[in-house]
Amino acid sequence: MNNRKIRIAMLASHSPATMAVAGPTLDKVKARGHVVCGASQGTVGLGAPDDKGYWRGFDVAVA
């Protein structure tokens, strides 16, 4: 029971810091209207453009 209280206290103490850091980033994303992500380039299966120029692959899908 004591461990549970410690975990809850730790989560609660980290939440305000995380929210403070995420605020400006989230504001930029909202202003831009889209998220900018990076992926490996030219590795088939991970990140490479298809015949129409759209990027496909695992890295692209995760991003």
N, C-alpha and C. Protein backbone atom coordinates (compact mmCIF):
# COMPACT_ATOMS: atom_id res chain seq x y z
N MET A 1 0.83 -1.19 0.00
CA MET A 1 0.00 0.00 0.00
C MET A 1 0.87 1.25 0.00
N ASN A 2 1.96 1.22 0.75
CA ASN A 2 2.86 2.36 0.83
C ASN A 2 3.51 2.64 -0.52
N ASN A 3 3.88 1.58 -1.27
CA ASN A 3 4.47 1.75 -2.59
C ASN A 3 3.51 2.44 -3.55
N ARG A 4 2.26 2.13 -3.44
CA ARG A 4 1.24 2.75 -4.30
C ARG A 4 1.18 4.25 -4.04
N LYS A 5 1.21 4.65 -2.79
CA LYS A 5 1.18 6.07 -2.45
C LYS A 5 2.42 6.79 -2.99
N ILE A 6 3.56 6.13 -2.92
CA ILE A 6 4.79 6.72 -3.43
C ILE A 6 4.70 6.90 -4.94
N ARG A 7 4.20 5.89 -5.64
CA ARG A 7 4.05 5.99 -7.10
C ARG A 7 3.09 7.11 -7.49
N ILE A 8 1.99 7.22 -6.79
CA ILE A 8 1.02 8.28 -7.08
C ILE A 8 1.65 9.65 -6.85
N ALA A 9 2.39 9.79 -5.75
CA ALA A 9 3.06 11.06 -5.46
C ALA A 9 4.09 11.40 -6.54
N MET A 10 4.82 10.41 -7.01
CA MET A 10 5.81 10.64 -8.06
C MET A 10 5.15 11.08 -9.35
N LEU A 11 4.07 10.42 -9.73
CA LEU A 11 3.36 10.80 -10.95
C LEU A 11 2.79 12.21 -10.84
N ALA A 12 2.23 12.52 -9.70
CA ALA A 12 1.65 13.84 -9.50
C ALA A 12 2.72 14.93 -9.53
N SER A 13 3.89 14.63 -9.02
CA SER A 13 4.95 15.64 -9.00
C SER A 13 5.53 15.89 -10.38
N HIS A 14 5.45 14.91 -11.27
CA HIS A 14 6.00 15.07 -12.62
C HIS A 14 5.00 15.68 -13.58
N SER A 15 3.75 15.58 -13.32
CA SER A 15 2.73 16.07 -14.26
C SER A 15 2.84 17.55 -14.56
N PRO A 16 2.94 18.44 -13.58
CA PRO A 16 3.03 19.87 -13.90
C PRO A 16 4.24 20.22 -14.74
N ALA A 17 5.37 19.58 -14.49
CA ALA A 17 6.58 19.86 -15.26
C ALA A 17 6.41 19.43 -16.71
N THR A 18 5.83 18.27 -16.91
CA THR A 18 5.60 17.77 -18.27
C THR A 18 4.63 18.67 -19.00
N MET A 19 3.58 19.09 -18.35
CA MET A 19 2.60 19.94 -18.99
C MET A 19 3.20 21.30 -19.33
N ALA A 20 4.07 21.82 -18.49
CA ALA A 20 4.69 23.12 -18.74
C ALA A 20 5.60 23.06 -19.96
N VAL A 21 6.30 21.96 -20.14
CA VAL A 21 7.19 21.81 -21.28
C VAL A 21 6.40 21.55 -22.55
N ALA A 22 5.35 20.77 -22.48
CA ALA A 22 4.56 20.43 -23.65
C ALA A 22 3.73 21.61 -24.14
N GLY A 23 3.41 22.55 -23.30
CA GLY A 23 2.56 23.67 -23.67
C GLY A 23 3.05 24.44 -24.89
N PRO A 24 4.28 24.96 -24.88
CA PRO A 24 4.77 25.71 -26.04
C PRO A 24 4.87 24.86 -27.31
N THR A 25 5.26 23.62 -27.16
CA THR A 25 5.35 22.73 -28.32
C THR A 25 3.96 22.48 -28.90
N LEU A 26 3.00 22.21 -28.06
CA LEU A 26 1.64 21.97 -28.53
C LEU A 26 1.09 23.23 -29.20
N ASP A 27 1.40 24.38 -28.66
CA ASP A 27 0.95 25.63 -29.28
C ASP A 27 1.52 25.80 -30.68
N LYS A 28 2.79 25.44 -30.87
CA LYS A 28 3.41 25.53 -32.19
C LYS A 28 2.75 24.57 -33.18
N VAL A 29 2.48 23.35 -32.72
CA VAL A 29 1.84 22.36 -33.59
C VAL A 29 0.45 22.84 -34.00
N LYS A 30 -0.30 23.36 -33.05
CA LYS A 30 -1.64 23.87 -33.36
C LYS A 30 -1.57 25.03 -34.34
N ALA A 31 -0.63 25.94 -34.16
CA ALA A 31 -0.50 27.09 -35.06
C ALA A 31 -0.10 26.64 -36.47
N ARG A 32 0.79 25.64 -36.55
CA ARG A 32 1.25 25.13 -37.83
C ARG A 32 0.15 24.34 -38.53
N GLY A 33 -0.66 23.63 -37.75
CA GLY A 33 -1.74 22.82 -38.32
C GLY A 33 -1.36 21.39 -38.62
N HIS A 34 -0.12 21.01 -38.35
CA HIS A 34 0.32 19.63 -38.56
C HIS A 34 1.56 19.35 -37.73
N VAL A 35 1.85 18.06 -37.55
CA VAL A 35 3.02 17.63 -36.79
C VAL A 35 4.16 17.37 -37.76
N VAL A 36 5.36 17.81 -37.42
CA VAL A 36 6.54 17.55 -38.24
C VAL A 36 7.30 16.39 -37.61
N CYS A 37 7.53 15.33 -38.39
CA CYS A 37 8.22 14.14 -37.89
C CYS A 37 9.40 13.83 -38.78
N GLY A 38 10.36 13.13 -38.23
CA GLY A 38 11.51 12.68 -39.00
C GLY A 38 11.49 11.17 -39.14
N ALA A 39 12.08 10.67 -40.21
CA ALA A 39 12.17 9.22 -40.44
C ALA A 39 13.44 8.96 -41.23
N SER A 40 13.89 7.70 -41.18
CA SER A 40 15.08 7.35 -41.95
C SER A 40 14.79 7.54 -43.43
N GLN A 41 15.82 7.81 -44.20
CA GLN A 41 15.62 8.07 -45.63
C GLN A 41 16.25 6.97 -46.48
N GLY A 42 15.48 6.51 -47.43
CA GLY A 42 16.01 5.57 -48.40
C GLY A 42 16.21 4.15 -47.94
N THR A 43 15.64 3.77 -46.84
CA THR A 43 15.74 2.39 -46.37
C THR A 43 14.39 1.72 -46.59
N VAL A 44 14.31 0.89 -47.61
CA VAL A 44 13.05 0.24 -47.94
C VAL A 44 12.56 -0.55 -46.73
N GLY A 45 11.31 -0.37 -46.41
CA GLY A 45 10.71 -1.02 -45.25
C GLY A 45 10.71 -0.12 -44.03
N LEU A 46 11.64 0.82 -43.96
CA LEU A 46 11.70 1.75 -42.85
C LEU A 46 11.25 3.15 -43.26
N GLY A 47 11.77 3.64 -44.37
CA GLY A 47 11.37 4.95 -44.85
C GLY A 47 11.91 5.21 -46.23
N ALA A 48 11.02 5.20 -47.22
CA ALA A 48 11.40 5.46 -48.60
C ALA A 48 10.17 5.91 -49.37
N PRO A 49 10.36 6.78 -50.36
CA PRO A 49 9.21 7.21 -51.16
C PRO A 49 8.75 6.11 -52.11
N ASP A 50 7.43 6.03 -52.32
CA ASP A 50 6.91 5.06 -53.29
C ASP A 50 6.95 5.69 -54.69
N ASP A 51 6.37 5.02 -55.67
CA ASP A 51 6.42 5.51 -57.05
C ASP A 51 5.65 6.83 -57.26
N LYS A 52 4.79 7.20 -56.32
CA LYS A 52 4.04 8.46 -56.41
C LYS A 52 4.67 9.56 -55.55
N GLY A 53 5.77 9.24 -54.86
CA GLY A 53 6.45 10.23 -54.05
C GLY A 53 5.99 10.30 -52.60
N TYR A 54 5.05 9.44 -52.22
CA TYR A 54 4.59 9.39 -50.83
C TYR A 54 5.53 8.52 -50.01
N TRP A 55 5.90 9.00 -48.84
CA TRP A 55 6.80 8.25 -47.99
C TRP A 55 6.06 7.10 -47.32
N ARG A 56 6.65 5.93 -47.34
CA ARG A 56 6.08 4.71 -46.78
C ARG A 56 7.13 4.01 -45.93
N GLY A 57 6.68 3.19 -45.00
CA GLY A 57 7.59 2.36 -44.22
C GLY A 57 7.28 2.44 -42.74
N PHE A 58 7.97 1.63 -41.97
CA PHE A 58 7.73 1.52 -40.54
C PHE A 58 7.99 2.84 -39.81
N ASP A 59 9.15 3.47 -40.08
CA ASP A 59 9.47 4.74 -39.42
C ASP A 59 8.41 5.80 -39.74
N VAL A 60 7.97 5.84 -40.97
CA VAL A 60 6.97 6.81 -41.39
C VAL A 60 5.64 6.54 -40.69
N ALA A 61 5.25 5.28 -40.62
CA ALA A 61 3.99 4.92 -39.97
C ALA A 61 4.01 5.26 -38.48
N VAL A 62 5.14 5.03 -37.82
CA VAL A 62 5.23 5.32 -36.39
C VAL A 62 5.21 6.82 -36.16
N ALA A 63 5.92 7.56 -37.00
CA ALA A 63 5.96 9.02 -36.85
C ALA A 63 4.57 9.58 -37.05
